[in-house]
Amino acid sequence: MTKFLIYNAAGLTIPVEAEPGLPFRFECSSEECGKKVVIEGRIVEVSRSSFEEVMNEVISENSDFKPIEKIEVRRYLFVGKVNGIEAKLPAEAMADFAKRFIEGLDSIMILK
């Protein structure tokens, strides 16, 4: 299983484990996520342009997700339902997120 982040699933960034192309179901309780979130669908590999189209739609719907413009590996989308509503959302492999995060730390210097 691969770990992914799905962006703007019911207004949240949700970590899931899934195999690309295979169906999965994930539930996050209201205690864990602040509200109940049920995700059913697939993580699919797509072209960079398809990713960017969905990313731009998400950002126009919810400007809180503007930071996802920094995603460099733009190849995964979640396609399915979030709380019963059809959705296409940007997804990022956790390994790609970690690499992006660590590379961002290169520009930060901590002095003691």
PDB file of N, CA and C in Angstrom:
ATOM      1  N   MET A   1       0.838  -1.190   0.000  1.00  0.00           N
ATOM      2  CA  MET A   1       0.000   0.000   0.000  1.00  0.00           C
ATOM      3  C   MET A   1       0.877   1.246   0.000  1.00  0.00           C
ATOM      4  N   THR A   2       0.408   2.248  -0.697  1.00  0.00           N
ATOM      5  CA  THR A   2       1.096   3.536  -0.766  1.00  0.00           C
ATOM      6  C   THR A   2       0.280   4.545   0.025  1.00  0.00           C
ATOM      7  N   LYS A   3       0.967   5.434   0.725  1.00  0.00           N
ATOM      8  CA  LYS A   3       0.275   6.486   1.468  1.00  0.00           C
ATOM      9  C   LYS A   3       0.157   7.724   0.587  1.00  0.00           C
ATOM     10  N   PHE A   4      -1.042   8.308   0.592  1.00  0.00           N
ATOM     11  CA  PHE A   4      -1.332   9.509  -0.191  1.00  0.00           C
ATOM     12  C   PHE A   4      -1.992  10.551   0.696  1.00  0.00           C
ATOM     13  N   LEU A   5      -1.865  11.803   0.293  1.00  0.00           N
ATOM     14  CA  LEU A   5      -2.655  12.889   0.854  1.00  0.00           C
ATOM     15  C   LEU A   5      -3.686  13.260  -0.200  1.00  0.00           C
ATOM     16  N   ILE A   6      -4.955  13.337   0.193  1.00  0.00           N
ATOM     17  CA  ILE A   6      -6.019  13.798  -0.698  1.00  0.00           C
ATOM     18  C   ILE A   6      -6.391  15.193  -0.224  1.00  0.00           C
ATOM     19  N   TYR A   7      -6.319  16.159  -1.139  1.00  0.00           N
ATOM     20  CA  TYR A   7      -6.544  17.557  -0.797  1.00  0.00           C
ATOM     21  C   TYR A   7      -7.986  17.979  -1.063  1.00  0.00           C
ATOM     22  N   ASN A   8      -8.575  18.682  -0.095  1.00  0.00           N
ATOM     23  CA  ASN A   8      -9.926  19.246  -0.145  1.00  0.00           C
ATOM     24  C   ASN A   8     -11.021  18.182  -0.116  1.00  0.00           C
ATOM     25  N   ALA A   9     -10.775  17.105   0.614  1.00  0.00           N
ATOM     26  CA  ALA A   9     -11.816  16.105   0.847  1.00  0.00           C
ATOM     27  C   ALA A   9     -12.675  16.629   1.994  1.00  0.00           C
ATOM     28  N   ALA A  10     -13.859  17.117   1.682  1.00  0.00           N
ATOM     29  CA  ALA A  10     -14.743  17.757   2.670  1.00  0.00           C
ATOM     30  C   ALA A  10     -14.034  18.930   3.340  1.00  0.00           C
ATOM     31  N   GLY A  11     -13.193  19.630   2.563  1.00  0.00           N
ATOM     32  CA  GLY A  11     -12.482  20.801   3.078  1.00  0.00           C
ATOM     33  C   GLY A  11     -11.237  20.477   3.876  1.00  0.00           C
ATOM     34  N   LEU A  12     -10.836  19.208   3.891  1.00  0.00           N
ATOM     35  CA  LEU A  12      -9.682  18.774   4.683  1.00  0.00           C
ATOM     36  C   LEU A  12      -8.630  18.117   3.797  1.00  0.00           C
ATOM     37  N   THR A  13      -7.427  18.000   4.330  1.00  0.00           N
ATOM     38  CA  THR A  13      -6.387  17.180   3.716  1.00  0.00           C
ATOM     39  C   THR A  13      -6.381  15.872   4.489  1.00  0.00           C
ATOM     40  N   ILE A  14      -6.651  14.772   3.798  1.00  0.00           N
ATOM     41  CA  ILE A  14      -6.831  13.479   4.453  1.00  0.00           C
ATOM     42  C   ILE A  14      -5.751  12.506   3.982  1.00  0.00           C
ATOM     43  N   PRO A  15      -5.006  11.902   4.922  1.00  0.00           N
ATOM     44  CA  PRO A  15      -4.049  10.862   4.546  1.00  0.00           C
ATOM     45  C   PRO A  15      -4.763   9.510   4.414  1.00  0.00           C
ATOM     46  N   VAL A  16      -4.478   8.799   3.334  1.00  0.00           N
ATOM     47  CA  VAL A  16      -5.073   7.479   3.105  1.00  0.00           C
ATOM     48  C   VAL A  16      -3.992   6.521   2.620  1.00  0.00           C
ATOM     49  N   GLU A  17      -4.283   5.225   2.735  1.00  0.00           N
ATOM     50  CA  GLU A  17      -3.432   4.199   2.137  1.00  0.00           C
ATOM     51  C   GLU A  17      -4.225   3.553   1.014  1.00  0.00           C
ATOM     52  N   ALA A  18      -3.609   3.474  -0.156  1.00  0.00           N
ATOM     53  CA  ALA A  18      -4.295   2.908  -1.318  1.00  0.00           C
ATOM     54  C   ALA A  18      -3.264   2.441  -2.330  1.00  0.00           C
ATOM     55  N   GLU A  19      -3.697   1.555  -3.194  1.00  0.00           N
ATOM     56  CA  GLU A  19      -2.882   1.160  -4.340  1.00  0.00           C
ATOM     57  C   GLU A  19      -3.435   1.907  -5.547  1.00  0.00           C
ATOM     58  N   PRO A  20      -2.579   2.608  -6.292  1.00  0.00           N
ATOM     59  CA  PRO A  20      -3.066   3.334  -7.471  1.00  0.00           C
ATOM     60  C   PRO A  20      -3.878   2.420  -8.390  1.00  0.00           C
ATOM     61  N   GLY A  21      -5.045   2.916  -8.784  1.00  0.00           N
ATOM     62  CA  GLY A  21      -5.909   2.187  -9.700  1.00  0.00           C
ATOM     63  C   GLY A  21      -6.906   1.252  -9.042  1.00  0.00           C
ATOM     64  N   LEU A  22      -6.681   0.895  -7.782  1.00  0.00           N
ATOM     65  CA  LEU A  22      -7.581  -0.042  -7.109  1.00  0.00           C
ATOM     66  C   LEU A  22      -8.559   0.699  -6.201  1.00  0.00           C
ATOM     67  N   PRO A  23      -9.802   0.212  -6.118  1.00  0.00           N
ATOM     68  CA  PRO A  23     -10.781   0.887  -5.263  1.00  0.00           C
ATOM     69  C   PRO A  23     -10.418   0.752  -3.783  1.00  0.00           C
ATOM     70  N   PHE A  24     -10.753   1.778  -3.022  1.00  0.00           N
ATOM     71  CA  PHE A  24     -10.554   1.743  -1.574  1.00  0.00           C
ATOM     72  C   PHE A  24     -11.662   2.532  -0.903  1.00  0.00           C
ATOM     73  N   ARG A  25     -11.792   2.319   0.382  1.00  0.00           N
ATOM     74  CA  ARG A  25     -12.762   3.052   1.208  1.00  0.00           C
ATOM     75  C   ARG A  25     -12.029   3.475   2.470  1.00  0.00           C
ATOM     76  N   PHE A  26     -12.255   4.716   2.885  1.00  0.00           N
ATOM     77  CA  PHE A  26     -11.624   5.251   4.092  1.00  0.00           C
ATOM     78  C   PHE A  26     -12.660   6.059   4.853  1.00  0.00           C
ATOM     79  N   GLU A  27     -12.721   5.840   6.157  1.00  0.00           N
ATOM     80  CA  GLU A  27     -13.618   6.616   7.010  1.00  0.00           C
ATOM     81  C   GLU A  27     -12.808   7.320   8.076  1.00  0.00           C
ATOM     82  N   CYS A  28     -13.123   8.582   8.284  1.00  0.00           N
ATOM     83  CA  CYS A  28     -12.497   9.375   9.338  1.00  0.00           C
ATOM     84  C   CYS A  28     -13.631   9.843  10.256  1.00  0.00           C
ATOM     85  N   SER A  29     -13.540   9.504  11.518  1.00  0.00           N
ATOM     86  CA  SER A  29     -14.612   9.846  12.459  1.00  0.00           C
ATOM     87  C   SER A  29     -14.619  11.339  12.768  1.00  0.00           C
ATOM     88  N   SER A  30     -15.715  11.793  13.321  1.00  0.00           N
ATOM     89  CA  SER A  30     -15.801  13.209  13.700  1.00  0.00           C
ATOM     90  C   SER A  30     -14.811  13.528  14.816  1.00  0.00           C
ATOM     91  N   GLU A  31     -14.460  12.542  15.630  1.00  0.00           N
ATOM     92  CA  GLU A  31     -13.460  12.763  16.676  1.00  0.00           C
ATOM     93  C   GLU A  31     -12.077  13.000  16.063  1.00  0.00           C
ATOM     94  N   GLU A  32     -11.744  12.238  15.026  1.00  0.00           N
ATOM     95  CA  GLU A  32     -10.426  12.358  14.394  1.00  0.00           C
ATOM     96  C   GLU A  32     -10.324  13.560  13.457  1.00  0.00           C
ATOM     97  N   CYS A  33     -11.373  13.822  12.698  1.00  0.00           N
ATOM     98  CA  CYS A  33     -11.315  14.838  11.645  1.00  0.00           C
ATOM     99  C   CYS A  33     -12.136  16.093  11.938  1.00  0.00           C
ATOM    100  N   GLY A  34     -12.850  16.113  13.040  1.00  0.00           N
ATOM    101  CA  GLY A  34     -13.706  17.257  13.330  1.00  0.00           C
ATOM    102  C   GLY A  34     -15.078  17.138  12.685  1.00  0.00           C
ATOM    103  N   LYS A  35     -15.208  16.216  11.745  1.00  0.00           N
ATOM    104  CA  LYS A  35     -16.485  15.869  11.115  1.00  0.00           C
ATOM    105  C   LYS A  35     -16.292  14.514  10.460  1.00  0.00           C
ATOM    106  N   LYS A  36     -17.371  13.783  10.272  1.00  0.00           N
ATOM    107  CA  LYS A  36     -17.259  12.465   9.651  1.00  0.00           C
ATOM    108  C   LYS A  36     -16.985  12.628   8.161  1.00  0.00           C
ATOM    109  N   VAL A  37     -15.988  11.905   7.680  1.00  0.00           N
ATOM    110  CA  VAL A  37     -15.637  11.942   6.260  1.00  0.00           C
ATOM    111  C   VAL A  37     -15.523  10.502   5.766  1.00  0.00           C
ATOM    112  N   VAL A  38     -16.261  10.182   4.705  1.00  0.00           N
ATOM    113  CA  VAL A  38     -16.190   8.865   4.077  1.00  0.00           C
ATOM    114  C   VAL A  38     -15.698   9.071   2.651  1.00  0.00           C
ATOM    115  N   ILE A  39     -14.589   8.418   2.331  1.00  0.00           N
ATOM    116  CA  ILE A  39     -13.968   8.541   1.010  1.00  0.00           C
ATOM    117  C   ILE A  39     -14.019   7.170   0.341  1.00  0.00           C
ATOM    118  N   GLU A  40     -14.581   7.110  -0.863  1.00  0.00           N
ATOM    119  CA  GLU A  40     -14.660   5.868  -1.631  1.00  0.00           C
ATOM    120  C   GLU A  40     -14.258   6.158  -3.065  1.00  0.00           C
ATOM    121  N   GLY A  41     -13.285   5.428  -3.575  1.00  0.00           N
ATOM    122  CA  GLY A  41     -12.884   5.646  -4.959  1.00  0.00           C
ATOM    123  C   GLY A  41     -11.527   5.054  -5.251  1.00  0.00           C
ATOM    124  N   ARG A  42     -10.802   5.723  -6.141  1.00  0.00           N
ATOM    125  CA  ARG A  42      -9.485   5.253  -6.580  1.00  0.00           C
ATOM    126  C   ARG A  42      -8.528   6.430  -6.664  1.00  0.00           C
ATOM    127  N   ILE A  43      -7.266   6.140  -6.453  1.00  0.00           N
ATOM    128  CA  ILE A  43      -6.191   7.072  -6.778  1.00  0.00           C
ATOM    129  C   ILE A  43      -5.737   6.665  -8.176  1.00  0.00           C
ATOM    130  N   VAL A  44      -5.793   7.598  -9.121  1.00  0.00           N
ATOM    131  CA  VAL A  44      -5.416   7.275 -10.497  1.00  0.00           C
ATOM    132  C   VAL A  44      -4.251   8.148 -10.947  1.00  0.00           C
ATOM    133  N   GLU A  45      -3.421   7.568 -11.798  1.00  0.00           N
ATOM    134  CA  GLU A  45      -2.303   8.324 -12.367  1.00  0.00           C
ATOM    135  C   GLU A  45      -2.821   9.076 -13.587  1.00  0.00           C
ATOM    136  N   VAL A  46      -2.492  10.374 -13.664  1.00  0.00           N
ATOM    137  CA  VAL A  46      -3.000  11.234 -14.735  1.00  0.00           C
ATOM    138  C   VAL A  46      -1.866  12.085 -15.303  1.00  0.00           C
ATOM    139  N   SER A  47      -2.175  12.784 -16.380  1.00  0.00           N
ATOM    140  CA  SER A  47      -1.201  13.712 -16.962  1.00  0.00           C
ATOM    141  C   SER A  47      -1.065  14.937 -16.064  1.00  0.00           C
ATOM    142  N   ARG A  48       0.035  15.623 -16.224  1.00  0.00           N
ATOM    143  CA  ARG A  48       0.277  16.853 -15.465  1.00  0.00           C
ATOM    144  C   ARG A  48      -0.837  17.877 -15.728  1.00  0.00           C
ATOM    145  N   SER A  49      -1.271  17.982 -16.986  1.00  0.00           N
ATOM    146  CA  SER A  49      -2.311  18.967 -17.311  1.00  0.00           C
ATOM    147  C   SER A  49      -3.646  18.618 -16.646  1.00  0.00           C
ATOM    148  N   SER A  50      -3.991  17.332 -16.571  1.00  0.00           N
ATOM    149  CA  SER A  50      -5.222  16.926 -15.883  1.00  0.00           C
ATOM    150  C   SER A  50      -5.137  17.255 -14.400  1.00  0.00           C
ATOM    151  N   PHE A  51      -3.980  16.985 -13.795  1.00  0.00           N
ATOM    152  CA  PHE A  51      -3.784  17.319 -12.384  1.00  0.00           C
ATOM    153  C   PHE A  51      -3.973  18.815 -12.175  1.00  0.00           C
ATOM    154  N   GLU A  52      -3.329  19.617 -13.024  1.00  0.00           N
ATOM    155  CA  GLU A  52      -3.381  21.074 -12.859  1.00  0.00           C
ATOM    156  C   GLU A  52      -4.797  21.612 -13.038  1.00  0.00           C
ATOM    157  N   GLU A  53      -5.561  21.035 -13.946  1.00  0.00           N
ATOM    158  CA  GLU A  53      -6.948  21.464 -14.141  1.00  0.00           C
ATOM    159  C   GLU A  53      -7.760  21.252 -12.858  1.00  0.00           C
ATOM    160  N   VAL A  54      -7.633  20.067 -12.260  1.00  0.00           N
ATOM    161  CA  VAL A  54      -8.359  19.768 -11.022  1.00  0.00           C
ATOM    162  C   VAL A  54      -7.825  20.620  -9.877  1.00  0.00           C
ATOM    163  N   MET A  55      -6.511  20.774  -9.799  1.00  0.00           N
ATOM    164  CA  MET A  55      -5.910  21.598  -8.748  1.00  0.00           C
ATOM    165  C   MET A  55      -6.458  23.024  -8.807  1.00  0.00           C
ATOM    166  N   ASN A  56      -6.517  23.596  -9.994  1.00  0.00           N
ATOM    167  CA  ASN A  56      -7.016  24.966 -10.147  1.00  0.00           C
ATOM    168  C   ASN A  56      -8.494  25.078  -9.759  1.00  0.00           C
ATOM    169  N   GLU A  57      -9.285  24.055 -10.074  1.00  0.00           N
ATOM    170  CA  GLU A  57     -10.697  24.048  -9.661  1.00  0.00           C
ATOM    171  C   GLU A  57     -10.816  24.034  -8.141  1.00  0.00           C
ATOM    172  N   VAL A  58      -9.987  23.212  -7.491  1.00  0.00           N
ATOM    173  CA  VAL A  58     -10.010  23.122  -6.026  1.00  0.00           C
ATOM    174  C   VAL A  58      -9.630  24.461  -5.405  1.00  0.00           C
ATOM    175  N   ILE A  59      -8.581  25.091  -5.930  1.00  0.00           N
ATOM    176  CA  ILE A  59      -8.130  26.378  -5.384  1.00  0.00           C
ATOM    177  C   ILE A  59      -9.195  27.451  -5.594  1.00  0.00           C
ATOM    178  N   SER A  60      -9.874  27.434  -6.745  1.00  0.00           N
ATOM    179  CA  SER A  60     -10.915  28.444  -6.972  1.00  0.00           C
ATOM    180  C   SER A  60     -12.110  28.226  -6.044  1.00  0.00           C
ATOM    181  N   GLU A  61     -12.387  26.970  -5.685  1.00  0.00           N
ATOM    182  CA  GLU A  61     -13.465  26.659  -4.738  1.00  0.00           C
ATOM    183  C   GLU A  61     -13.086  27.010  -3.306  1.00  0.00           C
ATOM    184  N   ASN A  62     -11.822  26.765  -2.959  1.00  0.00           N
ATOM    185  CA  ASN A  62     -11.380  26.920  -1.571  1.00  0.00           C
ATOM    186  C   ASN A  62      -9.948  27.444  -1.561  1.00  0.00           C
ATOM    187  N   SER A  63      -9.791  28.747  -1.391  1.00  0.00           N
ATOM    188  CA  SER A  63      -8.463  29.373  -1.462  1.00  0.00           C
ATOM    189  C   SER A  63      -7.520  28.908  -0.357  1.00  0.00           C
ATOM    190  N   ASP A  64      -8.044  28.240   0.674  1.00  0.00           N
ATOM    191  CA  ASP A  64      -7.170  27.682   1.716  1.00  0.00           C
ATOM    192  C   ASP A  64      -6.203  26.652   1.126  1.00  0.00           C
ATOM    193  N   PHE A  65      -6.531  26.114  -0.039  1.00  0.00           N
ATOM    194  CA  PHE A  65      -5.689  25.091  -0.661  1.00  0.00           C
ATOM    195  C   PHE A  65      -4.692  25.665  -1.667  1.00  0.00           C
ATOM    196  N   LYS A  66      -4.522  26.976  -1.700  1.00  0.00           N
ATOM    197  CA  LYS A  66      -3.548  27.605  -2.600  1.00  0.00           C
ATOM    198  C   LYS A  66      -2.137  27.020  -2.437  1.00  0.00           C
ATOM    199  N   PRO A  67      -1.704  26.645  -1.218  1.00  0.00           N
ATOM    200  CA  PRO A  67      -0.359  26.062  -1.076  1.00  0.00           C
ATOM    201  C   PRO A  67      -0.115  24.796  -1.901  1.00  0.00           C
ATOM    202  N   ILE A  68      -1.169  24.117  -2.371  1.00  0.00           N
ATOM    203  CA  ILE A  68      -0.920  22.915  -3.172  1.00  0.00           C
ATOM    204  C   ILE A  68      -0.326  23.253  -4.532  1.00  0.00           C
ATOM    205  N   GLU A  69      -0.291  24.533  -4.881  1.00  0.00           N
ATOM    206  CA  GLU A  69       0.391  24.928  -6.120  1.00  0.00           C
ATOM    207  C   GLU A  69       1.868  24.550  -6.072  1.00  0.00           C
ATOM    208  N   LYS A  70       2.407  24.342  -4.882  1.00  0.00           N
ATOM    209  CA  LYS A  70       3.826  23.992  -4.729  1.00  0.00           C
ATOM    210  C   LYS A  70       4.105  22.516  -4.978  1.00  0.00           C
ATOM    211  N   ILE A  71       3.065  21.714  -5.172  1.00  0.00           N
ATOM    212  CA  ILE A  71       3.274  20.295  -5.467  1.00  0.00           C
ATOM    213  C   ILE A  71       4.065  20.189  -6.762  1.00  0.00           C
ATOM    214  N   GLU A  72       5.151  19.435  -6.717  1.00  0.00           N
ATOM    215  CA  GLU A  72       6.012  19.284  -7.896  1.00  0.00           C
ATOM    216  C   GLU A  72       5.667  18.040  -8.708  1.00  0.00           C
ATOM    217  N   VAL A  73       5.383  16.926  -8.035  1.00  0.00           N
ATOM    218  CA  VAL A  73       5.049  15.685  -8.735  1.00  0.00           C
ATOM    219  C   VAL A  73       3.532  15.666  -8.909  1.00  0.00           C
ATOM    220  N   ARG A  74       3.099  16.118 -10.071  1.00  0.00           N
ATOM    221  CA  ARG A  74       1.668  16.311 -10.341  1.00  0.00           C
ATOM    222  C   ARG A  74       1.146  15.169 -11.197  1.00  0.00           C
ATOM    223  N   ARG A  75       0.918  14.007 -10.558  1.00  0.00           N
ATOM    224  CA  ARG A  75       0.495  12.873 -11.372  1.00  0.00           C
ATOM    225  C   ARG A  75      -0.650  12.054 -10.798  1.00  0.00           C
ATOM    226  N   TYR A  76      -1.158  12.389  -9.618  1.00  0.00           N
ATOM    227  CA  TYR A  76      -2.229  11.583  -9.027  1.00  0.00           C
ATOM    228  C   TYR A  76      -3.481  12.407  -8.748  1.00  0.00           C
ATOM    229  N   LEU A  77      -4.623  11.795  -8.999  1.00  0.00           N
ATOM    230  CA  LEU A  77      -5.910  12.360  -8.614  1.00  0.00           C
ATOM    231  C   LEU A  77      -6.687  11.302  -7.853  1.00  0.00           C
ATOM    232  N   PHE A  78      -7.513  11.754  -6.923  1.00  0.00           N
ATOM    233  CA  PHE A  78      -8.523  10.893  -6.327  1.00  0.00           C
ATOM    234  C   PHE A  78      -9.774  11.067  -7.177  1.00  0.00           C
ATOM    235  N   VAL A  79     -10.384   9.958  -7.577  1.00  0.00           N
ATOM    236  CA  VAL A  79     -11.631   9.979  -8.342  1.00  0.00           C
ATOM    237  C   VAL A  79     -12.611   9.059  -7.620  1.00  0.00           C
ATOM    238  N   GLY A  80     -13.725   9.619  -7.188  1.00  0.00           N
ATOM    239  CA  GLY A  80     -14.713   8.814  -6.476  1.00  0.00           C
ATOM    240  C   GLY A  80     -15.723   9.680  -5.775  1.00  0.00           C
ATOM    241  N   LYS A  81     -16.052   9.306  -4.531  1.00  0.00           N
ATOM    242  CA  LYS A  81     -17.050  10.039  -3.752  1.00  0.00           C
ATOM    243  C   LYS A  81     -16.482  10.415  -2.389  1.00  0.00           C
ATOM    244  N   VAL A  82     -16.836  11.615  -1.951  1.00  0.00           N
ATOM    245  CA  VAL A  82     -16.538  12.072  -0.600  1.00  0.00           C
ATOM    246  C   VAL A  82     -17.886  12.364   0.047  1.00  0.00           C
ATOM    247  N   ASN A  83     -18.189  11.626   1.100  1.00  0.00           N
ATOM    248  CA  ASN A  83     -19.495  11.740   1.769  1.00  0.00           C
ATOM    249  C   ASN A  83     -20.648  11.613   0.772  1.00  0.00           C
ATOM    250  N   GLY A  84     -20.491  10.679  -0.178  1.00  0.00           N
ATOM    251  CA  GLY A  84     -21.543  10.385  -1.146  1.00  0.00           C
ATOM    252  C   GLY A  84     -21.613  11.318  -2.340  1.00  0.00           C
ATOM    253  N   ILE A  85     -20.744  12.332  -2.386  1.00  0.00           N
ATOM    254  CA  ILE A  85     -20.757  13.306  -3.483  1.00  0.00           C
ATOM    255  C   ILE A  85     -19.582  13.025  -4.416  1.00  0.00           C
ATOM    256  N   GLU A  86     -19.870  12.919  -5.722  1.00  0.00           N
ATOM    257  CA  GLU A  86     -18.814  12.682  -6.714  1.00  0.00           C
ATOM    258  C   GLU A  86     -17.731  13.746  -6.597  1.00  0.00           C
ATOM    259  N   ALA A  87     -16.474  13.309  -6.693  1.00  0.00           N
ATOM    260  CA  ALA A  87     -15.365  14.253  -6.547  1.00  0.00           C
ATOM    261  C   ALA A  87     -14.159  13.806  -7.355  1.00  0.00           C
ATOM    262  N   LYS A  88     -13.430  14.792  -7.859  1.00  0.00           N
ATOM    263  CA  LYS A  88     -12.090  14.616  -8.428  1.00  0.00           C
ATOM    264  C   LYS A  88     -11.225  15.579  -7.643  1.00  0.00           C
ATOM    265  N   LEU A  89     -10.203  15.048  -6.971  1.00  0.00           N
ATOM    266  CA  LEU A  89      -9.384  15.877  -6.093  1.00  0.00           C
ATOM    267  C   LEU A  89      -7.908  15.588  -6.300  1.00  0.00           C
ATOM    268  N   PRO A  90      -7.061  16.600  -6.107  1.00  0.00           N
ATOM    269  CA  PRO A  90      -5.622  16.373  -6.195  1.00  0.00           C
ATOM    270  C   PRO A  90      -5.167  15.424  -5.089  1.00  0.00           C
ATOM    271  N   ALA A  91      -4.228  14.566  -5.428  1.00  0.00           N
ATOM    272  CA  ALA A  91      -3.630  13.658  -4.452  1.00  0.00           C
ATOM    273  C   ALA A  91      -2.118  13.703  -4.632  1.00  0.00           C
ATOM    274  N   GLU A  92      -1.416  13.452  -3.545  1.00  0.00           N
ATOM    275  CA  GLU A  92       0.050  13.479  -3.574  1.00  0.00           C
ATOM    276  C   GLU A  92       0.561  12.299  -2.770  1.00  0.00           C
ATOM    277  N   ALA A  93       1.502  11.553  -3.342  1.00  0.00           N
ATOM    278  CA  ALA A  93       2.119  10.463  -2.597  1.00  0.00           C
ATOM    279  C   ALA A  93       2.844  11.050  -1.391  1.00  0.00           C
ATOM    280  N   MET A  94       2.709  10.398  -0.251  1.00  0.00           N
ATOM    281  CA  MET A  94       3.334  10.887   0.973  1.00  0.00           C
ATOM    282  C   MET A  94       4.851  11.009   0.796  1.00  0.00           C
ATOM    283  N   ALA A  95       5.461  10.106   0.035  1.00  0.00           N
ATOM    284  CA  ALA A  95       6.911  10.178  -0.202  1.00  0.00           C
ATOM    285  C   ALA A  95       7.268  11.459  -0.954  1.00  0.00           C
ATOM    286  N   ASP A  96       6.442  11.860  -1.925  1.00  0.00           N
ATOM    287  CA  ASP A  96       6.689  13.105  -2.665  1.00  0.00           C
ATOM    288  C   ASP A  96       6.486  14.319  -1.764  1.00  0.00           C
ATOM    289  N   PHE A  97       5.463  14.260  -0.900  1.00  0.00           N
ATOM    290  CA  PHE A  97       5.234  15.346   0.057  1.00  0.00           C
ATOM    291  C   PHE A  97       6.430  15.481   0.993  1.00  0.00           C
ATOM    292  N   ALA A  98       6.921  14.355   1.520  1.00  0.00           N
ATOM    293  CA  ALA A  98       8.052  14.387   2.454  1.00  0.00           C
ATOM    294  C   ALA A  98       9.289  14.977   1.780  1.00  0.00           C
ATOM    295  N   LYS A  99       9.540  14.579   0.542  1.00  0.00           N
ATOM    296  CA  LYS A  99      10.693  15.118  -0.192  1.00  0.00           C
ATOM    297  C   LYS A  99      10.549  16.623  -0.386  1.00  0.00           C
ATOM    298  N   ARG A 100       9.357  17.066  -0.751  1.00  0.00           N
ATOM    299  CA  ARG A 100       9.100  18.498  -0.946  1.00  0.00           C
ATOM    300  C   ARG A 100       9.287  19.256   0.365  1.00  0.00           C
ATOM    301  N   PHE A 101       8.817  18.687   1.460  1.00  0.00           N
ATOM    302  CA  PHE A 101       8.936  19.318   2.774  1.00  0.00           C
ATOM    303  C   PHE A 101      10.401  19.429   3.187  1.00  0.00           C
ATOM    304  N   ILE A 102      11.150  18.343   3.035  1.00  0.00           N
ATOM    305  CA  ILE A 102      12.567  18.341   3.438  1.00  0.00           C
ATOM    306  C   ILE A 102      13.369  19.298   2.576  1.00  0.00           C
ATOM    307  N   GLU A 103      13.105  19.332   1.266  1.00  0.00           N
ATOM    308  CA  GLU A 103      13.816  20.271   0.397  1.00  0.00           C
ATOM    309  C   GLU A 103      13.501  21.709   0.778  1.00  0.00           C
ATOM    310  N   GLY A 104      12.297  21.965   1.262  1.00  0.00           N
ATOM    311  CA  GLY A 104      11.927  23.299   1.725  1.00  0.00           C
ATOM    312  C   GLY A 104      12.700  23.707   2.963  1.00  0.00           C
ATOM    313  N   LEU A 105      13.116  22.727   3.745  1.00  0.00           N
ATOM    314  CA  LEU A 105      13.889  23.022   4.955  1.00  0.00           C
ATOM    315  C   LEU A 105      15.304  23.467   4.629  1.00  0.00           C
ATOM    316  N   ASP A 106      15.793  23.140   3.432  1.00  0.00           N
ATOM    317  CA  ASP A 106      17.149  23.536   3.039  1.00  0.00           C
ATOM    318  C   ASP A 106      17.334  25.044   3.087  1.00  0.00           C
ATOM    319  N   SER A 107      16.254  25.780   2.927  1.00  0.00           N
ATOM    320  CA  SER A 107      16.371  27.235   2.896  1.00  0.00           C
ATOM    321  C   SER A 107      16.160  27.864   4.273  1.00  0.00           C
ATOM    322  N   ILE A 108      16.002  27.021   5.285  1.00  0.00           N
ATOM    323  CA  ILE A 108      15.785  27.527   6.643  1.00  0.00           C
ATOM    324  C   ILE A 108      17.016  27.234   7.487  1.00  0.00           C
ATOM    325  N   MET A 109      17.500  28.243   8.178  1.00  0.00           N
ATOM    326  CA  MET A 109      18.641  28.057   9.060  1.00  0.00           C
ATOM    327  C   MET A 109      18.195  28.381  10.480  1.00  0.00           C
ATOM    328  N   ILE A 110      18.485  27.480  11.399  1.00  0.00           N
ATOM    329  CA  ILE A 110      18.123  27.703  12.794  1.00  0.00           C
ATOM    330  C   ILE A 110      19.396  27.996  13.567  1.00  0.00           C
ATOM    331  N   LEU A 111      19.422  29.132  14.226  1.00  0.00           N
ATOM    332  CA  LEU A 111      20.579  29.527  15.030  1.00  0.00           C
ATOM    333  C   LEU A 111      20.216  29.424  16.498  1.00  0.00           C
ATOM    334  N   LYS A 112      21.145  28.888  17.276  1.00  0.00           N
ATOM    335  CA  LYS A 112      20.911  28.798  18.727  1.00  0.00           C
ATOM    336  C   LYS A 112      21.890  29.668  19.455  1.00  0.00           C
TER     337      LYS A 112
END
